[in-house]
Amino acid sequence: MTVTPDRLNLPARRRRHARLIAALTELIGACAEAAGEVYRPIAAAPPGQEAVAVALLPCVQVSLTAATLLDMARAEDEARWPAVVVREREEDLRTYAARCVVAQAHGLMEEDGLPGGVPLPTAEQFAAMDLVSAGDAVAARWRRDPEQAVALVHELVAGGEFSVDEVLDEAVAATVLAGLLALQEARAASDPSTAAELCLGAVPHMALAVALASTDLD
């Protein structure tokens, strides 16, 4: 495959997002360890023992620290690749402008509004929502069939309104959010077994985020 000199200067996605990927893998291990603090005492207890003391605090701690850990990792990745960040933002502005043009061409701004007199979003708001929708769609399809998800990415970028990295990064954000929401539920659970199950339920989302953050399609 032939690539442009600009593309040759870009790091692989697994290097560009190395700190985020490392933080996600750390979270996966922390979720498993927290769940183990619930399950191991139960497994070690005599068969006839009804009440077993387990540790719920690790599940709570993982939930409380997860978002901050990931935010710090993203900031560290940006600090490591400042020139790449500038290029990404320039690309984001280009594709954002293209989505605004598409929204305006479809006459979205000429409508009277939604029922009840609620105004429609602006073309700029539609442009932002379109990117979120694209990322959600790619993440959902990746769970079922990665090859179909790759085809969807190429379909989305064909018109110039999206870039490959932009769509994949939005898909990462969608899966990370799903994992963080699962951890929030774990924190709110009063039953240790439920908390452990919810902690483990965050793991597939984090693992998918790692896959998306590591994927190069260009």
N, C-alpha and C. Protein backbone atom coordinates (compact mmCIF):
# COMPACT_ATOMS: atom_id res chain seq x y z
N MET A 1 0.85 -1.19 0.00
CA MET A 1 0.00 0.00 0.00
C MET A 1 0.88 1.24 0.00
N THR A 2 0.55 2.21 -0.84
CA THR A 2 1.29 3.45 -0.91
C THR A 2 0.74 4.45 0.09
N VAL A 3 1.62 5.10 0.82
CA VAL A 3 1.19 6.10 1.78
C VAL A 3 1.89 7.42 1.48
N THR A 4 1.29 8.50 1.87
CA THR A 4 1.87 9.82 1.64
C THR A 4 2.99 10.07 2.64
N PRO A 5 3.91 10.99 2.31
CA PRO A 5 4.97 11.30 3.29
C PRO A 5 4.40 11.76 4.62
N ASP A 6 3.29 12.53 4.61
CA ASP A 6 2.69 12.96 5.87
C ASP A 6 2.29 11.77 6.72
N ARG A 7 1.72 10.77 6.07
CA ARG A 7 1.27 9.60 6.82
C ARG A 7 2.46 8.84 7.39
N LEU A 8 3.57 8.83 6.64
CA LEU A 8 4.76 8.14 7.11
C LEU A 8 5.29 8.76 8.40
N ASN A 9 5.04 10.06 8.59
CA ASN A 9 5.54 10.75 9.77
C ASN A 9 4.68 10.53 11.00
N LEU A 10 3.52 9.93 10.83
CA LEU A 10 2.61 9.74 11.95
C LEU A 10 2.96 8.46 12.70
N PRO A 11 2.84 8.47 14.02
CA PRO A 11 3.08 7.23 14.78
C PRO A 11 1.94 6.26 14.61
N ALA A 12 2.22 4.99 14.83
CA ALA A 12 1.15 4.02 14.87
C ALA A 12 0.19 4.38 15.99
N ARG A 13 -1.06 4.01 15.83
CA ARG A 13 -2.06 4.38 16.83
C ARG A 13 -1.72 3.79 18.20
N ARG A 14 -1.12 2.61 18.24
CA ARG A 14 -0.80 2.01 19.55
C ARG A 14 0.32 2.79 20.24
N ARG A 15 1.12 3.53 19.48
CA ARG A 15 2.12 4.40 20.09
C ARG A 15 1.50 5.75 20.43
N ARG A 16 0.66 6.26 19.54
CA ARG A 16 0.01 7.56 19.78
C ARG A 16 -0.84 7.51 21.05
N HIS A 17 -1.47 6.34 21.30
CA HIS A 17 -2.35 6.20 22.46
C HIS A 17 -1.76 5.24 23.50
N ALA A 18 -0.44 5.17 23.57
CA ALA A 18 0.21 4.16 24.41
C ALA A 18 -0.15 4.31 25.89
N ARG A 19 -0.18 5.54 26.41
CA ARG A 19 -0.50 5.73 27.82
C ARG A 19 -1.96 5.38 28.10
N LEU A 20 -2.84 5.74 27.19
CA LEU A 20 -4.25 5.37 27.35
C LEU A 20 -4.42 3.86 27.34
N ILE A 21 -3.77 3.19 26.40
CA ILE A 21 -3.86 1.73 26.32
C ILE A 21 -3.32 1.09 27.59
N ALA A 22 -2.19 1.62 28.09
CA ALA A 22 -1.62 1.08 29.33
C ALA A 22 -2.58 1.28 30.50
N ALA A 23 -3.23 2.45 30.55
CA ALA A 23 -4.18 2.72 31.63
C ALA A 23 -5.40 1.80 31.53
N LEU A 24 -5.85 1.55 30.32
CA LEU A 24 -6.99 0.64 30.14
C LEU A 24 -6.64 -0.78 30.58
N THR A 25 -5.46 -1.24 30.23
CA THR A 25 -5.06 -2.59 30.65
C THR A 25 -4.89 -2.65 32.17
N GLU A 26 -4.40 -1.55 32.75
CA GLU A 26 -4.31 -1.49 34.21
C GLU A 26 -5.70 -1.59 34.85
N LEU A 27 -6.66 -0.90 34.25
CA LEU A 27 -8.03 -0.95 34.76
C LEU A 27 -8.63 -2.35 34.63
N ILE A 28 -8.33 -3.01 33.52
CA ILE A 28 -8.83 -4.38 33.34
C ILE A 28 -8.32 -5.27 34.47
N GLY A 29 -7.03 -5.16 34.78
CA GLY A 29 -6.47 -5.94 35.88
C GLY A 29 -7.06 -5.55 37.22
N ALA A 30 -7.28 -4.25 37.42
CA ALA A 30 -7.84 -3.78 38.69
C ALA A 30 -9.27 -4.27 38.87
N CYS A 31 -10.04 -4.30 37.78
CA CYS A 31 -11.41 -4.81 37.86
C CYS A 31 -11.41 -6.29 38.25
N ALA A 32 -10.52 -7.05 37.62
CA ALA A 32 -10.44 -8.48 37.94
C ALA A 32 -10.00 -8.69 39.38
N GLU A 33 -9.03 -7.90 39.82
CA GLU A 33 -8.53 -8.05 41.20
C GLU A 33 -9.62 -7.66 42.20
N ALA A 34 -10.36 -6.60 41.91
CA ALA A 34 -11.43 -6.18 42.82
C ALA A 34 -12.51 -7.24 42.92
N ALA A 35 -12.86 -7.82 41.79
CA ALA A 35 -13.86 -8.90 41.81
C ALA A 35 -13.32 -10.10 42.57
N GLY A 36 -12.02 -10.36 42.44
CA GLY A 36 -11.42 -11.47 43.16
C GLY A 36 -11.49 -11.31 44.66
N GLU A 37 -11.47 -10.06 45.14
CA GLU A 37 -11.58 -9.82 46.58
C GLU A 37 -12.96 -10.21 47.11
N VAL A 38 -13.91 -10.33 46.21
CA VAL A 38 -15.24 -10.81 46.59
C VAL A 38 -15.32 -12.33 46.44
N TYR A 39 -14.82 -12.83 45.32
CA TYR A 39 -15.00 -14.25 45.01
C TYR A 39 -14.03 -15.17 45.74
N ARG A 40 -12.79 -14.72 45.99
CA ARG A 40 -11.81 -15.61 46.61
C ARG A 40 -12.21 -16.03 48.02
N PRO A 41 -12.65 -15.13 48.88
CA PRO A 41 -13.06 -15.57 50.23
C PRO A 41 -14.23 -16.57 50.19
N ILE A 42 -15.15 -16.37 49.24
CA ILE A 42 -16.28 -17.30 49.11
C ILE A 42 -15.77 -18.67 48.70
N ALA A 43 -14.81 -18.69 47.76
CA ALA A 43 -14.27 -19.96 47.29
C ALA A 43 -13.47 -20.66 48.39
N ALA A 44 -12.84 -19.89 49.28
CA ALA A 44 -12.00 -20.48 50.32
C ALA A 44 -12.80 -20.91 51.55
N ALA A 45 -14.04 -20.44 51.68
CA ALA A 45 -14.84 -20.74 52.87
C ALA A 45 -15.28 -22.20 52.87
N PRO A 46 -15.44 -22.81 54.05
CA PRO A 46 -15.96 -24.19 54.13
C PRO A 46 -17.35 -24.27 53.49
N PRO A 47 -17.68 -25.40 52.87
CA PRO A 47 -18.97 -25.54 52.18
C PRO A 47 -20.18 -25.21 53.05
N GLY A 48 -20.11 -25.49 54.34
CA GLY A 48 -21.28 -25.27 55.20
C GLY A 48 -21.38 -23.88 55.78
N GLN A 49 -20.38 -23.03 55.52
CA GLN A 49 -20.39 -21.70 56.11
C GLN A 49 -21.36 -20.79 55.36
N GLU A 50 -22.28 -20.19 56.07
CA GLU A 50 -23.29 -19.35 55.42
C GLU A 50 -22.80 -17.92 55.19
N ALA A 51 -22.25 -17.28 56.20
CA ALA A 51 -21.80 -15.90 56.08
C ALA A 51 -20.30 -15.88 55.81
N VAL A 52 -19.91 -15.15 54.76
CA VAL A 52 -18.49 -15.04 54.40
C VAL A 52 -18.14 -13.56 54.30
N ALA A 53 -17.10 -13.16 54.98
CA ALA A 53 -16.65 -11.77 54.93
C ALA A 53 -15.88 -11.53 53.63
N VAL A 54 -16.31 -10.54 52.86
CA VAL A 54 -15.65 -10.20 51.60
C VAL A 54 -15.33 -8.70 51.61
N ALA A 55 -14.44 -8.29 50.69
CA ALA A 55 -14.02 -6.89 50.61
C ALA A 55 -14.73 -6.21 49.44
N LEU A 56 -15.61 -5.27 49.73
CA LEU A 56 -16.31 -4.51 48.71
C LEU A 56 -15.53 -3.25 48.32
N LEU A 57 -14.66 -2.78 49.20
CA LEU A 57 -13.96 -1.52 48.97
C LEU A 57 -13.16 -1.48 47.66
N PRO A 58 -12.46 -2.56 47.26
CA PRO A 58 -11.71 -2.49 46.00
C PRO A 58 -12.58 -2.16 44.79
N CYS A 59 -13.80 -2.68 44.73
CA CYS A 59 -14.70 -2.35 43.62
C CYS A 59 -15.03 -0.86 43.63
N VAL A 60 -15.25 -0.33 44.81
CA VAL A 60 -15.54 1.11 44.93
C VAL A 60 -14.33 1.93 44.51
N GLN A 61 -13.15 1.53 44.95
CA GLN A 61 -11.94 2.28 44.63
C GLN A 61 -11.66 2.30 43.14
N VAL A 62 -11.85 1.18 42.46
CA VAL A 62 -11.66 1.14 41.00
C VAL A 62 -12.60 2.11 40.32
N SER A 63 -13.84 2.11 40.75
CA SER A 63 -14.83 3.00 40.15
C SER A 63 -14.48 4.46 40.38
N LEU A 64 -14.01 4.80 41.57
CA LEU A 64 -13.71 6.19 41.90
C LEU A 64 -12.50 6.74 41.15
N THR A 65 -11.54 5.88 40.84
CA THR A 65 -10.28 6.34 40.25
C THR A 65 -10.20 6.17 38.74
N ALA A 66 -11.13 5.41 38.14
CA ALA A 66 -11.01 5.04 36.73
C ALA A 66 -10.98 6.25 35.80
N ALA A 67 -11.95 7.15 35.93
CA ALA A 67 -12.04 8.28 35.02
C ALA A 67 -10.80 9.17 35.12
N THR A 68 -10.34 9.43 36.33
CA THR A 68 -9.15 10.27 36.51
C THR A 68 -7.92 9.62 35.90
N LEU A 69 -7.79 8.31 36.08
CA LEU A 69 -6.66 7.58 35.51
C LEU A 69 -6.64 7.72 33.99
N LEU A 70 -7.79 7.58 33.35
CA LEU A 70 -7.87 7.66 31.89
C LEU A 70 -7.65 9.08 31.40
N ASP A 71 -8.18 10.06 32.11
CA ASP A 71 -7.96 11.46 31.72
C ASP A 71 -6.47 11.81 31.79
N MET A 72 -5.80 11.35 32.83
CA MET A 72 -4.36 11.62 32.96
C MET A 72 -3.59 10.94 31.83
N ALA A 73 -4.00 9.73 31.47
CA ALA A 73 -3.32 9.00 30.40
C ALA A 73 -3.47 9.72 29.07
N ARG A 74 -4.67 10.22 28.79
CA ARG A 74 -4.89 10.96 27.55
C ARG A 74 -4.01 12.22 27.52
N ALA A 75 -3.96 12.92 28.63
CA ALA A 75 -3.14 14.13 28.70
C ALA A 75 -1.65 13.80 28.48
N GLU A 76 -1.19 12.69 29.03
CA GLU A 76 0.20 12.28 28.85
C GLU A 76 0.49 11.93 27.40
N ASP A 77 -0.46 11.26 26.74
CA ASP A 77 -0.29 10.95 25.32
C ASP A 77 -0.20 12.22 24.48
N GLU A 78 -1.03 13.20 24.79
CA GLU A 78 -0.98 14.45 24.04
C GLU A 78 0.35 15.18 24.27
N ALA A 79 0.84 15.13 25.50
CA ALA A 79 2.12 15.78 25.80
C ALA A 79 3.28 15.09 25.10
N ARG A 80 3.16 13.79 24.87
CA ARG A 80 4.24 13.04 24.21
C ARG A 80 4.28 13.32 22.71
N TRP A 81 3.13 13.66 22.11
CA TRP A 81 3.05 13.83 20.66
C TRP A 81 2.44 15.19 20.30
N PRO A 82 3.07 16.29 20.70
CA PRO A 82 2.46 17.61 20.45
C PRO A 82 2.25 17.93 18.98
N ALA A 83 3.21 17.57 18.13
CA ALA A 83 3.06 17.86 16.70
C ALA A 83 1.90 17.06 16.10
N VAL A 84 1.74 15.84 16.55
CA VAL A 84 0.65 15.00 16.06
C VAL A 84 -0.69 15.57 16.52
N VAL A 85 -0.74 16.07 17.74
CA VAL A 85 -1.97 16.67 18.25
C VAL A 85 -2.38 17.87 17.40
N VAL A 86 -1.42 18.69 17.05
CA VAL A 86 -1.71 19.85 16.18
C VAL A 86 -2.27 19.40 14.85
N ARG A 87 -1.66 18.37 14.27
CA ARG A 87 -2.12 17.86 12.98
C ARG A 87 -3.52 17.26 13.10
N GLU A 88 -3.76 16.56 14.19
CA GLU A 88 -5.09 15.98 14.41
C GLU A 88 -6.16 17.06 14.51
N ARG A 89 -5.83 18.12 15.22
CA ARG A 89 -6.81 19.20 15.39
C ARG A 89 -7.09 19.91 14.08
N GLU A 90 -6.06 20.05 13.26
CA GLU A 90 -6.27 20.64 11.93
C GLU A 90 -7.18 19.74 11.09
N GLU A 91 -6.96 18.43 11.18
CA GLU A 91 -7.80 17.48 10.46
C GLU A 91 -9.22 17.51 10.99
N ASP A 92 -9.37 17.61 12.30
CA ASP A 92 -10.70 17.69 12.90
C ASP A 92 -11.46 18.92 12.41
N LEU A 93 -10.77 20.04 12.30
CA LEU A 93 -11.41 21.26 11.81
C LEU A 93 -11.87 21.09 10.37
N ARG A 94 -11.05 20.42 9.56
CA ARG A 94 -11.42 20.21 8.16
C ARG A 94 -12.66 19.33 8.03
N THR A 95 -12.66 18.22 8.76
CA THR A 95 -13.81 17.31 8.64
C THR A 95 -15.06 17.91 9.29
N TYR A 96 -14.86 18.67 10.35
CA TYR A 96 -15.98 19.34 11.00
C TYR A 96 -16.63 20.33 10.04
N ALA A 97 -15.80 21.09 9.34
CA ALA A 97 -16.32 22.04 8.36
C ALA A 97 -17.07 21.31 7.25
N ALA A 98 -16.54 20.16 6.84
CA ALA A 98 -17.21 19.39 5.79
C ALA A 98 -18.57 18.89 6.25
N ARG A 99 -18.67 18.47 7.51
CA ARG A 99 -19.97 18.01 8.02
C ARG A 99 -20.96 19.16 8.14
N CYS A 100 -20.46 20.34 8.48
CA CYS A 100 -21.34 21.52 8.53
C CYS A 100 -21.91 21.82 7.15
N VAL A 101 -21.07 21.72 6.13
CA VAL A 101 -21.52 21.97 4.77
C VAL A 101 -22.60 20.98 4.37
N VAL A 102 -22.40 19.72 4.72
CA VAL A 102 -23.40 18.69 4.41
C VAL A 102 -24.71 18.98 5.12
N ALA A 103 -24.62 19.37 6.39
CA ALA A 103 -25.83 19.68 7.15
C ALA A 103 -26.59 20.83 6.52
N GLN A 104 -25.88 21.85 6.11
CA GLN A 104 -26.53 22.99 5.48
C GLN A 104 -27.12 22.63 4.13
N ALA A 105 -26.40 21.78 3.39
CA ALA A 105 -26.89 21.37 2.08
C ALA A 105 -28.18 20.57 2.18
N HIS A 106 -28.36 19.87 3.27
CA HIS A 106 -29.59 19.09 3.48
C HIS A 106 -30.75 19.95 3.95
N GLY A 107 -30.49 21.23 4.10
CA GLY A 107 -31.57 22.14 4.48
C GLY A 107 -31.98 22.04 5.93
N LEU A 108 -31.06 21.56 6.78
CA LEU A 108 -31.42 21.38 8.17
C LEU A 108 -31.73 22.70 8.86
N MET A 109 -31.12 23.78 8.36
CA MET A 109 -31.32 25.07 9.00
C MET A 109 -32.59 25.77 8.54
N GLU A 110 -33.26 25.22 7.52
CA GLU A 110 -34.44 25.87 6.97
C GLU A 110 -35.73 25.35 7.59
N GLU A 111 -35.63 24.34 8.43
CA GLU A 111 -36.82 23.79 9.06
C GLU A 111 -37.33 24.74 10.15
N ASP A 112 -38.61 24.64 10.43
CA ASP A 112 -39.21 25.50 11.45
C ASP A 112 -38.83 25.09 12.86
N GLY A 113 -38.45 23.84 13.04
CA GLY A 113 -38.08 23.37 14.36
C GLY A 113 -38.78 22.07 14.68
N LEU A 114 -38.53 21.57 15.84
CA LEU A 114 -39.14 20.33 16.30
C LEU A 114 -40.54 20.61 16.83
N PRO A 115 -41.35 19.57 17.00
CA PRO A 115 -42.69 19.78 17.57
C PRO A 115 -42.60 20.46 18.93
N GLY A 116 -43.57 21.35 19.20
CA GLY A 116 -43.57 22.07 20.46
C GLY A 116 -42.75 23.34 20.42
N GLY A 117 -42.30 23.71 19.24
CA GLY A 117 -41.53 24.94 19.12
C GLY A 117 -40.09 24.84 19.51
N VAL A 118 -39.60 23.61 19.72
CA VAL A 118 -38.19 23.43 20.09
C VAL A 118 -37.33 23.61 18.84
N PRO A 119 -36.35 24.51 18.88
CA PRO A 119 -35.54 24.73 17.67
C PRO A 119 -34.65 23.54 17.37
N LEU A 120 -34.40 23.34 16.09
CA LEU A 120 -33.47 22.29 15.68
C LEU A 120 -32.05 22.69 16.07
N PRO A 121 -31.17 21.72 16.26
CA PRO A 121 -29.76 22.04 16.48
C PRO A 121 -29.19 22.80 15.28
N THR A 122 -28.18 23.57 15.52
CA THR A 122 -27.51 24.27 14.43
C THR A 122 -26.71 23.28 13.58
N ALA A 123 -26.26 23.75 12.43
CA ALA A 123 -25.44 22.89 11.57
C ALA A 123 -24.18 22.44 12.31
N GLU A 124 -23.62 23.34 13.12
CA GLU A 124 -22.42 22.99 13.89
C GLU A 124 -22.72 21.90 14.91
N GLN A 125 -23.89 22.00 15.53
CA GLN A 125 -24.28 20.97 16.50
C GLN A 125 -24.55 19.64 15.81
N PHE A 126 -25.18 19.69 14.63
CA PHE A 126 -25.38 18.47 13.86
C PHE A 126 -24.04 17.83 13.50
N ALA A 127 -23.06 18.67 13.14
CA ALA A 127 -21.74 18.15 12.77
C ALA A 127 -21.10 17.40 13.93
N ALA A 128 -21.22 17.96 15.13
CA ALA A 128 -20.66 17.29 16.30
C ALA A 128 -21.40 16.00 16.61
N MET A 129 -22.73 16.04 16.50
CA MET A 129 -23.53 14.84 16.78
C MET A 129 -23.26 13.74 15.77
N ASP A 130 -23.00 14.12 14.52
CA ASP A 130 -22.72 13.12 13.49
C ASP A 130 -21.47 12.32 13.82
N LEU A 131 -20.45 13.00 14.35
CA LEU A 131 -19.22 12.29 14.72
C LEU A 131 -19.48 11.32 15.86
N VAL A 132 -20.23 11.76 16.86
CA VAL A 132 -20.57 10.88 17.98
C VAL A 132 -21.34 9.67 17.49
N SER A 133 -22.30 9.91 16.60
CA SER A 133 -23.11 8.82 16.05
C SER A 133 -22.23 7.84 15.27
N ALA A 134 -21.28 8.37 14.50
CA ALA A 134 -20.38 7.50 13.73
C ALA A 134 -19.55 6.63 14.66
N GLY A 135 -19.01 7.23 15.73
CA GLY A 135 -18.21 6.46 16.68
C GLY A 135 -19.03 5.39 17.36
N ASP A 136 -20.25 5.73 17.76
CA ASP A 136 -21.13 4.74 18.40
C ASP A 136 -21.41 3.57 17.47
N ALA A 137 -21.68 3.89 16.19
CA ALA A 137 -22.01 2.85 15.22
C ALA A 137 -20.83 1.91 14.99
N VAL A 138 -19.63 2.47 14.89
CA VAL A 138 -18.44 1.65 14.68
C VAL A 138 -18.18 0.76 15.90
N ALA A 139 -18.30 1.33 17.09
CA ALA A 139 -18.07 0.53 18.31
C ALA A 139 -19.07 -0.60 18.41
N ALA A 140 -20.35 -0.32 18.13
CA ALA A 140 -21.38 -1.35 18.22
C ALA A 140 -21.13 -2.46 17.21
N ARG A 141 -20.73 -2.09 16.00
CA ARG A 141 -20.49 -3.11 14.98
C ARG A 141 -19.22 -3.89 15.28
N TRP A 142 -18.22 -3.24 15.87
CA TRP A 142 -16.96 -3.92 16.18
C TRP A 142 -17.20 -5.06 17.17
N ARG A 143 -18.15 -4.86 18.07
CA ARG A 143 -18.45 -5.91 19.04
C ARG A 143 -18.96 -7.17 18.35
N ARG A 144 -19.70 -6.99 17.26
CA ARG A 144 -20.29 -8.13 16.56
C ARG A 144 -19.36 -8.70 15.49
N ASP A 145 -18.75 -7.80 14.72
CA ASP A 145 -17.94 -8.24 13.59
C ASP A 145 -16.93 -7.16 13.24
N PRO A 146 -15.67 -7.30 13.67
CA PRO A 146 -14.67 -6.27 13.40
C PRO A 146 -14.48 -5.98 11.91
N GLU A 147 -14.58 -7.01 11.06
CA GLU A 147 -14.41 -6.77 9.63
C GLU A 147 -15.51 -5.86 9.08
N GLN A 148 -16.73 -6.06 9.52
CA GLN A 148 -17.81 -5.18 9.11
C GLN A 148 -17.61 -3.77 9.66
N ALA A 149 -17.07 -3.68 10.85
CA ALA A 149 -16.80 -2.36 11.44
C ALA A 149 -15.74 -1.62 10.63
N VAL A 150 -14.72 -2.32 10.19
CA VAL A 150 -13.69 -1.70 9.34
C VAL A 150 -14.31 -1.20 8.04
N ALA A 151 -15.19 -2.01 7.46
CA ALA A 151 -15.87 -1.60 6.23
C ALA A 151 -16.70 -0.34 6.47
N LEU A 152 -17.34 -0.27 7.63
CA LEU A 152 -18.14 0.90 7.97
C LEU A 152 -17.27 2.14 8.10
N VAL A 153 -16.11 2.00 8.72
CA VAL A 153 -15.19 3.14 8.85
C VAL A 153 -14.81 3.67 7.47
N HIS A 154 -14.44 2.77 6.56
CA HIS A 154 -14.06 3.20 5.22
C HIS A 154 -15.23 3.87 4.50
N GLU A 155 -16.42 3.36 4.73
CA GLU A 155 -17.61 3.96 4.14
C GLU A 155 -17.84 5.37 4.70
N LEU A 156 -17.63 5.54 5.99
CA LEU A 156 -17.85 6.83 6.63
C LEU A 156 -16.86 7.88 6.15
N VAL A 157 -15.62 7.48 5.91
CA VAL A 157 -14.60 8.46 5.55
C VAL A 157 -14.55 8.75 4.05
N ALA A 158 -15.29 7.99 3.26
CA ALA A 158 -15.21 8.12 1.80
C ALA A 158 -15.60 9.52 1.32
N GLY A 159 -16.55 10.15 2.00
CA GLY A 159 -17.02 11.46 1.55
C GLY A 159 -16.22 12.64 2.05
N GLY A 160 -15.25 12.40 2.94
CA GLY A 160 -14.42 13.48 3.44
C GLY A 160 -14.95 14.17 4.68
N GLU A 161 -16.13 13.73 5.18
CA GLU A 161 -16.67 14.37 6.38
C GLU A 161 -16.07 13.80 7.67
N PHE A 162 -15.37 12.69 7.56
CA PHE A 162 -14.74 12.07 8.72
C PHE A 162 -13.34 11.62 8.31
N SER A 163 -12.45 11.53 9.30
CA SER A 163 -11.16 10.88 9.08
C SER A 163 -11.16 9.55 9.83
N VAL A 164 -10.29 8.65 9.41
CA VAL A 164 -10.23 7.32 10.04
C VAL A 164 -9.94 7.43 11.53
N ASP A 165 -8.89 8.18 11.87
CA ASP A 165 -8.52 8.29 13.28
C ASP A 165 -9.60 8.96 14.10
N GLU A 166 -10.27 9.94 13.50
CA GLU A 166 -11.34 10.65 14.19
C GLU A 166 -12.47 9.70 14.56
N VAL A 167 -12.88 8.85 13.62
CA VAL A 167 -13.95 7.91 13.88
C VAL A 167 -13.52 6.87 14.90
N LEU A 168 -12.32 6.34 14.75
CA LEU A 168 -11.84 5.33 15.70
C LEU A 168 -11.69 5.91 17.10
N ASP A 169 -11.20 7.14 17.19
CA ASP A 169 -11.06 7.78 18.51
C ASP A 169 -12.42 7.99 19.16
N GLU A 170 -13.42 8.34 18.35
CA GLU A 170 -14.77 8.52 18.91
C GLU A 170 -15.34 7.17 19.35
N ALA A 171 -15.01 6.11 18.62
CA ALA A 171 -15.44 4.78 19.02
C ALA A 171 -14.77 4.37 20.34
N VAL A 172 -13.49 4.73 20.50
CA VAL A 172 -12.80 4.48 21.77
C VAL A 172 -13.53 5.20 22.90
N ALA A 173 -13.87 6.46 22.67
CA ALA A 173 -14.55 7.24 23.69
C ALA A 173 -15.88 6.61 24.08
N ALA A 174 -16.61 6.08 23.08
CA ALA A 174 -17.90 5.46 23.36
C ALA A 174 -17.75 4.21 24.21
N THR A 175 -16.75 3.39 23.91
CA THR A 175 -16.56 2.16 24.68
C THR A 175 -16.03 2.44 26.08
N VAL A 176 -15.14 3.43 26.19
CA VAL A 176 -14.65 3.82 27.52
C VAL A 176 -15.80 4.31 28.39
N LEU A 177 -16.67 5.12 27.80
CA LEU A 177 -17.82 5.63 28.55
C LEU A 177 -18.69 4.48 29.04
N ALA A 178 -18.93 3.49 28.19
CA ALA A 178 -19.74 2.34 28.61
C ALA A 178 -19.09 1.62 29.78
N GLY A 179 -17.77 1.49 29.74
CA GLY A 179 -17.07 0.85 30.85
C GLY A 179 -17.14 1.65 32.13
N LEU A 180 -17.00 2.97 32.02
CA LEU A 180 -17.09 3.82 33.20
C LEU A 180 -18.49 3.81 33.81
N LEU A 181 -19.50 3.74 32.97
CA LEU A 181 -20.88 3.66 33.48
C LEU A 181 -21.10 2.35 34.24
N ALA A 182 -20.52 1.26 33.73
CA ALA A 182 -20.62 -0.01 34.44
C ALA A 182 -19.94 0.07 35.80
N LEU A 183 -18.81 0.76 35.86
CA LEU A 183 -18.11 0.92 37.14
C LEU A 183 -18.89 1.81 38.10
N GLN A 184 -19.57 2.80 37.57
CA GLN A 184 -20.43 3.62 38.43
C GLN A 184 -21.53 2.78 39.07
N GLU A 185 -22.10 1.88 38.28
CA GLU A 185 -23.12 0.99 38.83
C GLU A 185 -22.53 0.10 39.91
N ALA A 186 -21.30 -0.35 39.69
CA ALA A 186 -20.63 -1.20 40.70
C ALA A 186 -20.47 -0.43 42.01
N ARG A 187 -20.12 0.83 41.91
CA ARG A 187 -19.93 1.64 43.11
C ARG A 187 -21.23 1.81 43.88
N ALA A 188 -22.34 1.85 43.16
CA ALA A 188 -23.64 2.07 43.80
C ALA A 188 -24.24 0.79 44.37
N ALA A 189 -23.69 -0.37 43.97
CA ALA A 189 -24.27 -1.64 44.40
C ALA A 189 -23.91 -1.92 45.86
N SER A 190 -24.91 -2.31 46.63
CA SER A 190 -24.67 -2.64 48.04
C SER A 190 -24.33 -4.11 48.23
N ASP A 191 -24.74 -4.95 47.29
CA ASP A 191 -24.45 -6.38 47.36
C ASP A 191 -23.07 -6.65 46.77
N PRO A 192 -22.15 -7.25 47.49
CA PRO A 192 -20.79 -7.46 46.97
C PRO A 192 -20.74 -8.27 45.68
N SER A 193 -21.56 -9.32 45.59
CA SER A 193 -21.53 -10.13 44.37
C SER A 193 -21.99 -9.32 43.16
N THR A 194 -23.00 -8.49 43.34
CA THR A 194 -23.46 -7.63 42.24
C THR A 194 -22.38 -6.64 41.85
N ALA A 195 -21.72 -6.05 42.85
CA ALA A 195 -20.64 -5.11 42.57
C ALA A 195 -19.52 -5.78 41.79
N ALA A 196 -19.17 -7.00 42.18
CA ALA A 196 -18.11 -7.73 41.48
C ALA A 196 -18.50 -8.03 40.04
N GLU A 197 -19.74 -8.44 39.84
CA GLU A 197 -20.21 -8.74 38.48
C GLU A 197 -20.19 -7.49 37.61
N LEU A 198 -20.59 -6.36 38.17
CA LEU A 198 -20.58 -5.11 37.41
C LEU A 198 -19.15 -4.67 37.11
N CYS A 199 -18.26 -4.89 38.06
CA CYS A 199 -16.85 -4.58 37.83
C CYS A 199 -16.31 -5.39 36.65
N LEU A 200 -16.62 -6.66 36.65
CA LEU A 200 -16.18 -7.51 35.54
C LEU A 200 -16.89 -7.14 34.24
N GLY A 201 -18.12 -6.63 34.36
CA GLY A 201 -18.86 -6.22 33.17
C GLY A 201 -18.22 -5.04 32.45
N ALA A 202 -17.40 -4.27 33.17
CA ALA A 202 -16.70 -3.16 32.53
C ALA A 202 -15.53 -3.64 31.68
N VAL A 203 -15.02 -4.84 31.96
CA VAL A 203 -13.82 -5.33 31.30
C VAL A 203 -13.97 -5.45 29.78
N PRO A 204 -15.06 -6.05 29.25
CA PRO A 204 -15.16 -6.13 27.78
C PRO A 204 -15.15 -4.77 27.10
N HIS A 205 -15.72 -3.77 27.74
CA HIS A 205 -15.70 -2.42 27.16
C HIS A 205 -14.28 -1.88 27.11
N MET A 206 -13.53 -2.06 28.19
CA MET A 206 -12.15 -1.59 28.23
C MET A 206 -11.28 -2.34 27.22
N ALA A 207 -11.51 -3.64 27.09
CA ALA A 207 -10.74 -4.43 26.14
C ALA A 207 -11.04 -3.99 24.71
N LEU A 208 -12.29 -3.70 24.42
CA LEU A 208 -12.65 -3.21 23.09
C LEU A 208 -12.00 -1.85 22.83
N ALA A 209 -11.96 -1.00 23.85
CA ALA A 209 -11.31 0.30 23.69
C ALA A 209 -9.83 0.13 23.36
N VAL A 210 -9.18 -0.84 23.98
CA VAL A 210 -7.78 -1.12 23.66
C VAL A 210 -7.63 -1.52 22.20
N ALA A 211 -8.50 -2.40 21.73
CA ALA A 211 -8.45 -2.84 20.33
C ALA A 211 -8.64 -1.67 19.38
N LEU A 212 -9.60 -0.81 19.66
CA LEU A 212 -9.87 0.34 18.79
C LEU A 212 -8.73 1.35 18.83
N ALA A 213 -8.16 1.56 20.00
CA ALA A 213 -7.06 2.51 20.12
C ALA A 213 -5.78 1.99 19.45
N SER A 214 -5.69 0.68 19.26
CA SER A 214 -4.48 0.07 18.68
C SER A 214 -4.60 -0.15 17.18
N THR A 215 -5.77 0.06 16.61
CA THR A 215 -6.04 -0.32 15.23
C THR A 215 -5.59 0.76 14.24
N ASP A 216 -4.79 0.36 13.27
CA ASP A 216 -4.41 1.23 12.15
C ASP A 216 -5.09 0.73 10.88
N LEU A 217 -5.83 1.59 10.21
CA LEU A 217 -6.52 1.19 8.99
C LEU A 217 -5.95 1.85 7.74
N ASP A 218 -5.14 2.86 7.89
CA ASP A 218 -4.59 3.56 6.72
C ASP A 218 -3.38 2.81 6.17
